[in-house]
Protein backbone atom coordinates (compact mmCIF):
# COMPACT_ATOMS: atom_id res chain seq x y z
CA MET A 1 24.53 -2.68 -55.14
CA GLU A 2 26.47 -5.61 -53.95
CA TYR A 3 25.55 -4.99 -50.49
CA LEU A 4 21.59 -5.27 -50.92
CA GLU A 5 22.12 -8.53 -53.45
CA ILE A 6 23.65 -9.88 -50.04
CA ILE A 7 21.32 -8.28 -47.69
CA LYS A 8 18.29 -9.64 -49.96
CA THR A 9 20.12 -13.09 -50.00
CA ILE A 10 20.15 -13.18 -45.80
CA VAL A 11 16.76 -12.28 -45.70
CA LEU A 12 14.72 -14.26 -48.36
CA THR A 13 17.42 -17.61 -47.80
CA PRO A 14 15.84 -20.48 -46.17
CA ILE A 15 16.63 -20.43 -42.83
CA LYS A 16 18.54 -24.35 -41.78
CA LEU A 17 19.05 -25.78 -38.66
CA GLY A 18 21.55 -28.01 -38.80
CA ILE A 19 20.78 -30.65 -41.25
CA VAL A 20 17.08 -29.66 -40.86
CA SER A 21 15.66 -26.74 -43.38
CA LEU A 22 13.11 -24.92 -42.10
CA PRO A 23 10.25 -23.44 -44.68
CA PHE A 24 10.60 -19.99 -43.78
CA ASN A 25 13.18 -17.53 -44.32
CA LEU A 26 14.16 -14.70 -42.04
CA LEU A 27 11.75 -12.53 -43.92
CA ASP A 28 8.78 -14.64 -43.32
CA LEU A 29 9.46 -15.15 -39.29
CA CYS A 30 9.13 -11.76 -39.12
CA LEU A 31 5.80 -10.52 -40.89
CA LYS A 32 4.13 -13.96 -40.15
CA PHE A 33 5.57 -14.27 -36.12
CA LEU A 34 7.69 -11.62 -34.64
CA ILE A 35 5.90 -8.70 -35.53
CA PRO A 36 2.16 -10.04 -35.05
CA VAL A 37 3.53 -11.47 -31.74
CA LEU A 38 5.04 -8.20 -30.66
CA LEU A 39 1.64 -6.37 -31.41
CA ILE A 40 -0.54 -8.98 -29.45
CA PHE A 41 1.57 -8.57 -26.70
CA VAL A 42 1.21 -5.07 -26.53
CA ILE A 43 -2.31 -4.69 -27.15
CA ILE A 44 -3.16 -7.34 -24.54
CA ARG A 45 -0.82 -5.44 -21.97
CA LEU A 46 -2.87 -2.24 -22.83
CA VAL A 47 -5.79 -4.51 -22.37
CA ASN A 48 -5.11 -5.59 -19.33
CA LYS A 49 -4.11 -2.31 -17.48
CA LEU A 50 -7.41 -0.53 -18.89
CA THR A 51 -9.11 -3.48 -17.22
CA ALA A 52 -7.38 -2.95 -13.97
CA ARG A 53 -8.34 1.31 -14.11
CA ILE A 54 -12.43 0.15 -14.58
CA VAL A 55 -12.02 -1.88 -12.12
CA ASP A 56 -10.16 -0.24 -9.99
CA GLY A 57 -13.06 2.49 -10.16
CA THR A 58 -16.08 0.33 -9.28
CA ARG A 59 -17.36 -0.04 -5.72
CA LEU A 60 -16.73 -3.75 -5.73
CA LYS A 61 -14.86 -4.60 -2.78
CA GLN A 62 -11.29 -4.43 -2.47
CA VAL A 63 -11.13 -8.79 -2.80
CA VAL A 64 -13.88 -8.87 -5.43
CA LYS A 65 -11.34 -6.19 -7.09
CA ASP A 66 -7.47 -8.20 -6.76
CA ARG A 67 -9.96 -11.77 -8.25
CA THR A 68 -11.11 -10.05 -11.32
CA LYS A 69 -7.74 -8.46 -11.91
CA ILE A 70 -6.07 -11.79 -11.08
CA TRP A 71 -7.93 -13.77 -13.65
CA THR A 72 -8.05 -11.09 -16.28
CA LYS A 73 -4.21 -11.57 -16.57
CA ARG A 74 -4.50 -15.22 -16.40
CA GLY A 75 -7.08 -14.86 -19.03
CA LEU A 76 -5.21 -12.75 -21.71
CA ARG A 77 -2.06 -14.69 -20.84
CA LEU A 78 -3.79 -18.01 -22.45
CA VAL A 79 -5.13 -15.66 -25.17
CA PHE A 80 -1.84 -15.11 -26.00
CA LEU A 81 -0.59 -18.19 -25.58
CA VAL A 82 -3.14 -19.45 -27.90
CA LEU A 83 -2.30 -17.17 -30.80
CA VAL A 84 0.91 -17.58 -30.24
CA LEU A 85 0.50 -21.23 -31.37
CA LEU A 86 -1.45 -19.92 -34.14
CA PHE A 87 0.97 -17.84 -36.02
CA ALA A 88 3.53 -20.42 -34.96
CA GLY A 89 1.00 -23.18 -37.15
CA LYS A 90 0.48 -20.58 -39.55
CA LEU A 91 4.34 -20.15 -40.28
CA PHE A 92 5.27 -23.75 -40.25
CA GLY A 93 2.35 -24.87 -42.34
CA ALA A 94 1.08 -28.28 -43.20
CA GLU A 95 4.50 -29.79 -42.20
CA MET A 96 4.40 -28.22 -38.37
CA LEU A 97 3.48 -32.00 -37.15
CA ALA A 98 6.88 -33.20 -39.14
CA TYR A 99 8.74 -30.50 -37.33
CA LEU A 100 7.18 -31.51 -33.68
CA LYS A 101 8.78 -34.81 -34.54
CA ILE A 102 12.08 -33.53 -35.24
CA PHE A 103 12.16 -30.95 -32.43
CA TYR A 104 10.99 -33.81 -29.99
CA LYS A 105 13.50 -36.52 -31.01
CA THR A 106 16.03 -34.19 -30.82
CA LEU A 107 15.12 -32.61 -26.92
CA ASN A 108 14.95 -36.48 -26.31
CA GLU A 109 18.79 -37.18 -27.11
CA PRO A 110 20.46 -38.36 -23.94
CA LEU A 111 22.41 -36.08 -22.49
CA PHE A 112 24.54 -38.20 -19.87
CA ASN A 113 23.75 -41.18 -17.44
CA LEU A 114 22.83 -41.10 -14.39
CA GLY A 115 22.41 -44.03 -12.57
CA GLY A 116 21.56 -46.57 -15.60
CA THR A 117 19.09 -43.51 -16.65
CA LYS A 118 19.24 -41.73 -19.32
CA ILE A 119 18.66 -37.97 -18.88
CA SER A 120 17.94 -35.93 -21.57
CA ILE A 121 16.69 -32.36 -22.02
CA ILE A 122 12.98 -32.98 -21.79
CA THR A 123 13.77 -34.98 -18.59
CA LEU A 124 15.15 -32.05 -16.98
CA LEU A 125 11.98 -29.96 -18.55
CA LEU A 126 10.13 -32.17 -16.93
CA ILE A 127 11.88 -32.34 -13.11
CA ILE A 128 10.82 -28.05 -13.61
CA PRO A 129 6.40 -28.88 -13.38
CA ILE A 130 7.43 -31.91 -10.99
CA PHE A 131 9.08 -29.67 -8.80
CA TYR A 132 6.09 -27.10 -8.30
CA LEU A 133 3.47 -30.10 -7.97
CA ALA A 134 5.45 -31.23 -5.26
CA SER A 135 5.40 -27.78 -4.11
CA TRP A 136 1.43 -26.99 -4.89
CA THR A 137 0.62 -30.88 -3.03
CA GLY A 138 2.72 -29.84 0.06
CA LYS A 139 0.72 -26.46 0.39
CA ALA A 140 -2.58 -28.07 0.14
CA VAL A 141 -1.77 -30.78 2.41
CA GLY A 142 -0.67 -28.75 5.28
CA GLY A 143 -3.63 -26.18 4.24
CA ILE A 144 -6.27 -29.38 4.60
CA ALA A 145 -4.12 -30.54 7.60
CA ASN A 146 -4.43 -27.13 9.61
CA GLN A 147 -7.90 -26.74 9.06
CA THR A 148 -9.42 -29.67 9.75
CA PHE A 149 -7.57 -31.70 12.71
CA MET A 150 -4.31 -29.95 13.67
CA GLU A 151 -6.01 -27.09 15.83
CA LYS A 152 -8.20 -29.54 17.80
CA LEU A 153 -4.82 -31.91 18.60
CA GLY A 154 -4.22 -29.14 21.56
CA PHE A 155 -0.62 -28.65 20.47
CA ASP A 156 0.56 -24.96 21.07
CA GLU A 157 1.31 -22.97 18.02
CA ALA A 158 4.91 -23.23 18.07
CA ARG A 159 4.68 -27.46 18.24
CA GLN A 160 1.57 -26.72 15.46
CA PHE A 161 3.74 -24.68 13.36
CA SER A 162 6.69 -27.52 13.09
CA LEU A 163 4.78 -30.70 12.43
CA LEU A 164 2.82 -28.71 9.88
CA LYS A 165 6.10 -27.75 8.27
CA LEU A 166 7.31 -31.65 8.11
CA LEU A 167 4.40 -32.67 6.99
CA ARG A 168 4.40 -30.33 3.59
CA TYR A 169 7.43 -31.12 3.11
CA SER A 170 7.26 -34.93 3.70
CA VAL A 171 4.48 -34.50 0.62
CA MET A 172 6.47 -32.55 -1.34
CA THR A 173 9.57 -35.10 -0.97
CA ILE A 174 6.95 -38.31 -1.85
CA THR A 175 5.77 -36.41 -4.53
CA PHE A 176 8.31 -35.34 -6.36
CA LEU A 177 10.14 -38.72 -6.18
CA ILE A 178 6.83 -40.48 -7.66
CA GLY A 179 7.00 -38.18 -9.91
CA LEU A 180 11.02 -38.73 -11.17
CA SER A 181 9.90 -42.02 -11.16
CA ILE A 182 6.95 -41.45 -13.49
CA ILE A 183 9.18 -39.17 -16.59
CA GLY A 184 11.60 -42.67 -15.95
CA ILE A 185 14.17 -41.68 -13.67
CA ASN A 186 15.53 -45.04 -11.55
CA LEU A 187 15.74 -43.81 -8.38
CA SER A 188 16.55 -47.46 -6.66
CA SER A 189 20.24 -46.60 -6.87
CA ILE A 190 22.04 -44.76 -4.04
CA THR A 191 24.72 -43.59 -6.82
CA VAL A 192 21.31 -41.39 -8.34
CA ILE A 193 20.97 -39.73 -5.48
CA PHE A 194 24.80 -39.35 -4.68
CA GLY A 195 24.99 -38.14 -8.31
CA VAL A 196 22.83 -35.43 -7.71
CA LEU A 197 24.42 -34.47 -4.48
CA GLY A 198 27.96 -34.52 -6.49
CA LEU A 199 26.93 -32.40 -9.39
CA GLY A 200 25.25 -30.00 -7.16
CA LEU A 201 28.15 -29.12 -4.56
CA GLY A 202 30.52 -29.40 -7.65
CA PHE A 203 28.54 -26.55 -8.85
CA GLY A 204 28.90 -24.12 -5.85
CA LEU A 205 25.63 -25.03 -4.09
CA GLN A 206 27.64 -25.83 -0.84
CA ASN A 207 25.50 -22.83 0.86
CA THR A 208 22.14 -23.96 -0.24
CA VAL A 209 22.41 -27.76 1.16
CA ALA A 210 23.71 -25.87 3.76
CA ASN A 211 20.57 -23.71 4.19
CA LEU A 212 18.39 -26.64 2.79
CA PHE A 213 19.60 -28.39 6.34
CA ALA A 214 19.25 -24.98 8.65
CA GLY A 215 15.71 -24.75 7.67
CA PHE A 216 14.62 -28.86 8.69
CA LEU A 217 16.80 -27.40 11.68
CA ILE A 218 14.42 -24.24 12.29
CA ILE A 219 11.45 -26.61 12.25
CA LEU A 220 12.45 -29.27 14.52
CA THR A 221 14.06 -26.77 17.16
CA ARG A 222 11.89 -23.79 16.67
CA PRO A 223 14.17 -21.13 17.42
CA VAL A 224 11.86 -19.09 15.37
CA LYS A 225 8.44 -19.36 13.64
CA GLU A 226 5.96 -17.56 11.19
CA GLY A 227 4.78 -14.69 12.54
CA ASP A 228 7.21 -14.03 15.15
CA SER A 229 8.62 -10.50 15.29
CA ILE A 230 12.53 -10.49 15.13
CA LEU A 231 16.14 -8.97 14.89
CA VAL A 232 18.62 -10.35 13.14
CA ASN A 233 21.91 -8.94 11.09
CA ASN A 234 19.92 -5.47 12.18
CA TYR A 235 16.85 -5.68 10.06
CA GLU A 236 13.70 -6.03 12.35
CA GLY A 237 10.42 -7.24 11.54
CA GLY A 238 7.64 -10.18 11.41
CA ILE A 239 8.35 -13.28 9.66
CA ASP A 240 5.86 -14.33 6.70
CA GLU A 241 7.18 -17.32 5.68
CA ILE A 242 10.11 -19.71 6.66
CA ARG A 243 10.66 -21.97 3.59
CA ALA A 244 12.86 -24.58 2.44
CA PHE A 245 16.13 -22.67 1.83
CA SER A 246 15.29 -19.27 3.08
CA THR A 247 13.04 -17.43 4.97
CA VAL A 248 11.01 -14.21 4.34
CA ILE A 249 10.84 -10.86 6.67
CA THR A 250 8.89 -8.49 6.51
CA THR A 251 10.56 -5.15 8.34
CA ILE A 252 8.95 -2.15 10.05
CA LYS A 253 9.35 -0.27 7.27
CA ASN A 254 7.60 -2.50 4.86
CA GLU A 255 10.57 -4.03 2.96
CA THR A 256 10.51 -7.11 2.19
CA ILE A 257 14.04 -9.41 2.93
CA ILE A 258 14.76 -12.75 2.53
CA VAL A 259 17.15 -14.50 4.69
CA PRO A 260 19.20 -17.30 4.15
CA ASN A 261 17.80 -20.18 6.54
CA SER A 262 21.95 -20.87 7.74
CA GLN A 263 22.20 -17.36 9.39
CA PHE A 264 19.34 -18.31 11.41
CA VAL A 265 21.56 -21.29 13.17
CA SER A 266 24.61 -19.63 13.08
CA GLU A 267 24.06 -16.09 13.73
CA VAL A 268 22.44 -14.19 16.83
CA VAL A 269 18.90 -13.56 16.54
CA TYR A 270 16.12 -11.70 18.98
CA ASN A 271 13.22 -13.28 18.86
CA TYR A 272 10.88 -10.78 20.39
CA SER A 273 7.98 -13.28 20.98
CA TYR A 274 9.73 -16.77 21.09
CA ASP A 275 7.38 -17.21 24.02
CA ASP A 276 5.29 -14.43 24.95
CA ARG A 277 4.48 -11.59 22.31
CA SER A 278 4.65 -8.67 25.66
CA ILE A 279 8.30 -6.96 26.05
CA ILE A 280 9.85 -4.22 28.26
CA ILE A 281 10.19 -0.66 26.85
CA GLN A 282 12.29 1.60 27.77
CA ASN A 283 12.15 5.41 27.75
CA ASN A 284 14.86 7.64 28.92
CA ILE A 285 14.74 11.03 29.78
CA GLY A 286 16.51 13.92 31.74
CA VAL A 287 15.78 16.57 33.87
CA SER A 288 16.72 19.60 35.95
CA TYR A 289 18.82 19.50 38.63
CA ASP A 290 16.72 22.21 40.09
CA SER A 291 13.53 19.50 39.72
CA ASP A 292 11.73 17.73 42.74
CA ILE A 293 13.10 14.39 41.88
CA GLU A 294 10.30 12.76 43.67
CA LYS A 295 7.40 14.91 41.83
CA VAL A 296 9.06 14.08 38.53
CA ILE A 297 9.06 9.97 39.36
CA ARG A 298 5.57 9.99 40.25
CA VAL A 299 4.22 12.21 37.11
CA LEU A 300 6.40 9.32 35.00
CA ALA A 301 4.81 6.63 36.57
CA GLU A 302 1.16 8.01 35.80
CA VAL A 303 2.19 8.85 32.22
CA ALA A 304 3.52 5.33 31.67
CA GLU A 305 -0.02 3.35 33.43
CA ASN A 306 -2.22 5.55 31.61
CA SER A 307 -0.27 3.94 27.96
CA PRO A 308 -2.66 2.48 25.80
CA HIS A 309 -0.33 -0.50 25.44
CA ARG A 310 0.65 -1.29 28.72
CA ARG A 311 0.01 -5.14 30.44
CA ASN A 312 -3.07 -4.14 32.90
CA ASP A 313 -1.28 -6.47 35.19
CA LYS A 314 2.06 -5.45 35.31
CA ASN A 315 3.04 -1.81 36.56
CA PRO A 316 6.02 0.71 35.32
CA SER A 317 9.01 1.11 36.86
CA VAL A 318 10.96 4.66 36.67
CA PHE A 319 14.61 4.17 37.70
CA VAL A 320 16.95 6.98 38.44
CA LYS A 321 19.73 5.97 35.99
CA GLU A 322 23.09 8.59 36.79
CA PHE A 323 23.80 12.14 37.75
CA ALA A 324 24.94 13.56 34.13
CA ASP A 325 26.46 16.75 33.41
CA SER A 326 23.44 18.94 33.02
CA SER A 327 21.02 16.59 33.93
CA ILE A 328 19.36 14.06 36.36
CA ASN A 329 19.07 10.76 33.71
CA LEU A 330 15.94 8.36 34.56
CA ALA A 331 14.79 5.46 32.60
CA VAL A 332 10.46 4.44 32.29
CA LEU A 333 10.23 0.18 31.95
CA THR A 334 6.71 -0.60 30.54
CA TRP A 335 5.47 -3.35 29.65
CA ILE A 336 3.29 -4.14 27.02
CA ARG A 337 0.95 -6.52 25.45
CA ASP A 338 2.30 -6.51 22.02
CA VAL A 339 5.96 -6.09 20.37
CA ARG A 340 4.19 -4.95 17.37
CA ASP A 341 3.39 -2.04 18.96
CA LYS A 342 6.84 -1.23 20.47
CA TYR A 343 7.25 1.64 18.49
CA PRO A 344 3.95 3.29 18.67
CA ALA A 345 4.17 3.00 22.88
CA GLN A 346 7.59 4.43 22.96
CA HIS A 347 6.33 7.37 21.04
CA TRP A 348 2.75 7.48 22.78
CA ILE A 349 4.64 7.42 26.23
CA ASN A 350 7.21 10.27 24.82
CA LEU A 351 4.82 12.66 23.74
CA GLU A 352 2.63 12.14 26.86
CA ILE A 353 5.92 12.85 29.07
CA TRP A 354 6.11 16.39 27.22
CA ARG A 355 2.78 17.31 27.77
CA ALA A 356 3.23 16.69 31.50
CA PHE A 357 6.34 18.07 31.85
CA LYS A 358 5.47 21.29 30.29
CA ARG A 359 2.03 21.22 32.31
CA GLU A 360 3.78 20.76 35.85
CA GLY A 361 6.73 23.15 34.99
CA ILE A 362 9.40 20.16 34.89
CA GLU A 363 12.40 21.45 32.61
CA ILE A 364 14.41 19.52 30.35
CA PRO A 365 17.05 20.90 30.37
CA TYR A 366 19.83 20.58 27.04
CA PRO A 367 23.48 20.53 27.20
CA GLN A 368 25.23 23.87 27.96
CA SER A 369 28.55 25.53 29.05
CA ASP A 370 29.57 28.24 31.21
CA VAL A 371 31.99 30.32 30.17
CA HIS A 372 34.20 32.46 32.28
CA ILE A 373 36.53 35.52 31.12
CA LYS A 374 39.31 36.48 33.08
CA SER A 375 40.10 40.35 32.25
CA LYS A 376 44.05 40.85 32.70
CA GLU A 377 44.81 43.37 35.42
CA PRO A 378 46.74 46.80 33.97
CA ASP A 379 50.47 46.41 35.18
């Protein structure tokens, strides 16, 4: 019975936060807020999944389906937020405005001074939407510039990439600084910048700062750009986006890899499409020592010339590489138009070599050993 009285006291006693007494107890919090919000959350998730299945079953275009699902999810999130606020208002009752004032006053208490500016929790929270607003503004301005006048300037693709990135980050920086000044952070003193930088370095953000400067270096020197096919740290794929701190790569296995920008400055990067997307692929093949080597070279050249991926202005080459233990090894070098077709092109040529050798009676040997056993003569 004593345990029941203790539990009853805990559940029915009004909740206190410091010196502030809230107008509800733990039982009211569960019954009037937590449980209803949890049920609404589950219902909204089910409605969202059901709507997605219904939309996928229609004959609408895929773009329309995707937009419908996105706006449905956004609408349900808005409904969920409104219902959460309604249940919170019901929990606090008529005194909700008074508690909001107390909550705001608590959050607005200065935590520390930075360059003559009092920094509170609200100031730190307001920096988040300002950052997202600056990012959105930079993307919007970059997109408008790309669609309106950037292509008309006659610059090559790499220069357009650099100018658009510089324009985007410049707009982001200006918007972010304006936003900081609006929320009351004084930027006139240089100590603010050094203070923020020193604070970041003190928390172990040296790598973050290095990645940021590496990102600007990539934009200026253009060793890689969006759309390039690269190989870095044994990851081969195409660059989807170069961000301020990292670069997004989609590998040939459709894996998304986030690579820090500093690796593009400090590591060796193979850029297969730096100036030209066409590359040379190499197919290796071995034939028997009994083969007519001139015929083999002619057959391999014909196969490479018929490749659908080949550049028509570049002739393939066939070379005898070496005389190995079990075969004569040759290499077929073929120019292809696009590096993204490297593996399909190699597959096509290898398959056609196999078919051509079968048709022409050319043997592809495999390693083998001859064992000679000597019998001992009787004494």
